[in-house]
Amino acid sequence: MTKKPIYDDEELDILQALEAGTLKPVGDANTRRKAHQATAESTLKKDQRLNIRISSRDLKSLQARAVEEGIPYQTLAASLLHKYVNGHLVNQR
């Protein structure tokens, strides 16, 4: 089951402009693209290892949730940690 993305107002404005064909390229697009690509690569680079102990119950729950999301459980765990340390993990209970 694929979840429908949720967009904020700025993202909706960009999507509408893209669909309307009113977006204009910036003058230094190649330079900016390379800078953004370098930032993305350094952000996504997994160059450290973390070994933790968790309960088997939590691990089974994590693995089950990963199956629901269609991703490996290690990827899900890394994503959750990344969101938490960046303040983007929100408790929805």
C-alpha atoms as a PDB file:
ATOM      1  CA  MET A   1       0.000   0.000   0.000  1.00  0.00           C
ATOM      2  CA  THR A   2       1.489   3.318  -1.113  1.00  0.00           C
ATOM      3  CA  LYS A   3       0.840   6.330   1.061  1.00  0.00           C
ATOM      4  CA  LYS A   4      -0.250   9.559  -0.625  1.00  0.00           C
ATOM      5  CA  PRO A   5       2.366  12.265  -0.014  1.00  0.00           C
ATOM      6  CA  ILE A   6       1.439  15.204   2.182  1.00  0.00           C
ATOM      7  CA  TYR A   7       2.684  18.556   0.903  1.00  0.00           C
ATOM      8  CA  ASP A   8       3.078  21.841   2.759  1.00  0.00           C
ATOM      9  CA  ASP A   9       1.979  25.166   1.229  1.00  0.00           C
ATOM     10  CA  GLU A  10       5.368  25.903  -0.332  1.00  0.00           C
ATOM     11  CA  GLU A  11       5.531  22.465  -1.945  1.00  0.00           C
ATOM     12  CA  LEU A  12       1.996  22.854  -3.282  1.00  0.00           C
ATOM     13  CA  ASP A  13       2.925  26.220  -4.811  1.00  0.00           C
ATOM     14  CA  ILE A  14       5.930  24.637  -6.522  1.00  0.00           C
ATOM     15  CA  LEU A  15       3.867  21.738  -7.856  1.00  0.00           C
ATOM     16  CA  GLN A  16       1.215  24.104  -9.202  1.00  0.00           C
ATOM     17  CA  ALA A  17       3.845  26.267 -10.893  1.00  0.00           C
ATOM     18  CA  LEU A  18       5.463  23.174 -12.405  1.00  0.00           C
ATOM     19  CA  GLU A  19       2.149  21.916 -13.748  1.00  0.00           C
ATOM     20  CA  ALA A  20       1.286  25.385 -15.093  1.00  0.00           C
ATOM     21  CA  GLY A  21       4.685  25.672 -16.789  1.00  0.00           C
ATOM     22  CA  THR A  22       5.543  28.943 -15.036  1.00  0.00           C
ATOM     23  CA  LEU A  23       8.805  27.854 -13.394  1.00  0.00           C
ATOM     24  CA  LYS A  24      11.921  29.613 -14.681  1.00  0.00           C
ATOM     25  CA  PRO A  25      15.460  28.242 -14.422  1.00  0.00           C
ATOM     26  CA  VAL A  26      17.999  30.076 -12.277  1.00  0.00           C
ATOM     27  CA  GLY A  27      21.106  31.493 -13.909  1.00  0.00           C
ATOM     28  CA  ASP A  28      23.587  29.328 -12.019  1.00  0.00           C
ATOM     29  CA  ALA A  29      21.536  26.113 -12.143  1.00  0.00           C
ATOM     30  CA  ASN A  30      24.529  23.823 -12.771  1.00  0.00           C
ATOM     31  CA  THR A  31      26.520  25.247  -9.862  1.00  0.00           C
ATOM     32  CA  ARG A  32      23.536  25.008  -7.524  1.00  0.00           C
ATOM     33  CA  ARG A  33      22.719  21.488  -8.706  1.00  0.00           C
ATOM     34  CA  LYS A  34      26.288  20.336  -8.012  1.00  0.00           C
ATOM     35  CA  ALA A  35      26.243  21.943  -4.555  1.00  0.00           C
ATOM     36  CA  HIS A  36      22.910  20.318  -3.700  1.00  0.00           C
ATOM     37  CA  GLN A  37      24.136  16.972  -5.024  1.00  0.00           C
ATOM     38  CA  ALA A  38      27.281  17.172  -2.876  1.00  0.00           C
ATOM     39  CA  THR A  39      25.178  18.015   0.176  1.00  0.00           C
ATOM     40  CA  ALA A  40      22.805  15.125  -0.501  1.00  0.00           C
ATOM     41  CA  GLU A  41      25.671  12.685  -0.983  1.00  0.00           C
ATOM     42  CA  SER A  42      27.361  13.711   2.251  1.00  0.00           C
ATOM     43  CA  THR A  43      24.054  13.548   4.113  1.00  0.00           C
ATOM     44  CA  LEU A  44      23.198  10.102   2.810  1.00  0.00           C
ATOM     45  CA  LYS A  45      26.708   8.701   3.154  1.00  0.00           C
ATOM     46  CA  LYS A  46      26.703   5.987   5.763  1.00  0.00           C
ATOM     47  CA  ASP A  47      30.255   6.029   7.041  1.00  0.00           C
ATOM     48  CA  GLN A  48      29.751   5.012  10.679  1.00  0.00           C
ATOM     49  CA  ARG A  49      28.477   1.844  12.303  1.00  0.00           C
ATOM     50  CA  LEU A  50      26.161   1.707  15.326  1.00  0.00           C
ATOM     51  CA  ASN A  51      25.548  -1.463  17.290  1.00  0.00           C
ATOM     52  CA  ILE A  52      22.691  -1.379  19.780  1.00  0.00           C
ATOM     53  CA  ARG A  53      20.800  -3.892  21.847  1.00  0.00           C
ATOM     54  CA  ILE A  54      17.019  -3.756  21.827  1.00  0.00           C
ATOM     55  CA  SER A  55      14.367  -6.138  23.017  1.00  0.00           C
ATOM     56  CA  SER A  56      13.368  -8.924  20.674  1.00  0.00           C
ATOM     57  CA  ARG A  57       9.799  -7.626  20.860  1.00  0.00           C
ATOM     58  CA  ASP A  58      10.862  -4.179  19.628  1.00  0.00           C
ATOM     59  CA  LEU A  59      13.001  -5.718  16.886  1.00  0.00           C
ATOM     60  CA  LYS A  60      10.109  -7.858  15.649  1.00  0.00           C
ATOM     61  CA  SER A  61       7.840  -4.788  15.661  1.00  0.00           C
ATOM     62  CA  LEU A  62      10.457  -2.784  13.758  1.00  0.00           C
ATOM     63  CA  GLN A  63      10.847  -5.564  11.215  1.00  0.00           C
ATOM     64  CA  ALA A  64       7.072  -5.851  10.780  1.00  0.00           C
ATOM     65  CA  ARG A  65       6.744  -2.093  10.242  1.00  0.00           C
ATOM     66  CA  ALA A  66       9.597  -2.198   7.734  1.00  0.00           C
ATOM     67  CA  VAL A  67       7.773  -4.910   5.792  1.00  0.00           C
ATOM     68  CA  GLU A  68       4.674  -2.667   5.731  1.00  0.00           C
ATOM     69  CA  GLU A  69       6.798   0.191   4.391  1.00  0.00           C
ATOM     70  CA  GLY A  70       8.573  -2.076   1.901  1.00  0.00           C
ATOM     71  CA  ILE A  71      12.087  -1.258   3.123  1.00  0.00           C
ATOM     72  CA  PRO A  72      14.797  -3.127   5.054  1.00  0.00           C
ATOM     73  CA  TYR A  73      14.464  -2.771   8.817  1.00  0.00           C
ATOM     74  CA  GLN A  74      17.998  -1.343   9.124  1.00  0.00           C
ATOM     75  CA  THR A  75      17.024   1.421   6.694  1.00  0.00           C
ATOM     76  CA  LEU A  76      13.895   2.144   8.713  1.00  0.00           C
ATOM     77  CA  ALA A  77      15.890   2.279  11.952  1.00  0.00           C
ATOM     78  CA  ALA A  78      18.452   4.651  10.404  1.00  0.00           C
ATOM     79  CA  SER A  79      15.644   6.832   9.035  1.00  0.00           C
ATOM     80  CA  LEU A  80      13.958   7.033  12.436  1.00  0.00           C
ATOM     81  CA  LEU A  81      17.215   7.992  14.136  1.00  0.00           C
ATOM     82  CA  HIS A  82      17.907  10.624  11.480  1.00  0.00           C
ATOM     83  CA  LYS A  83      14.438  12.129  11.880  1.00  0.00           C
ATOM     84  CA  TYR A  84      14.765  12.140  15.666  1.00  0.00           C
ATOM     85  CA  VAL A  85      18.135  13.884  15.819  1.00  0.00           C
ATOM     86  CA  ASN A  86      16.903  16.499  13.331  1.00  0.00           C
ATOM     87  CA  GLY A  87      13.701  17.183  15.271  1.00  0.00           C
ATOM     88  CA  HIS A  88      11.381  15.808  12.589  1.00  0.00           C
ATOM     89  CA  LEU A  89      10.066  12.780  14.458  1.00  0.00           C
ATOM     90  CA  VAL A  90       6.588  13.603  15.745  1.00  0.00           C
ATOM     91  CA  ASN A  91       4.607  11.566  18.254  1.00  0.00           C
ATOM     92  CA  GLN A  92       1.123  11.030  16.791  1.00  0.00           C
ATOM     93  CA  ARG A  93      -0.511   9.343  19.777  1.00  0.00           C
END
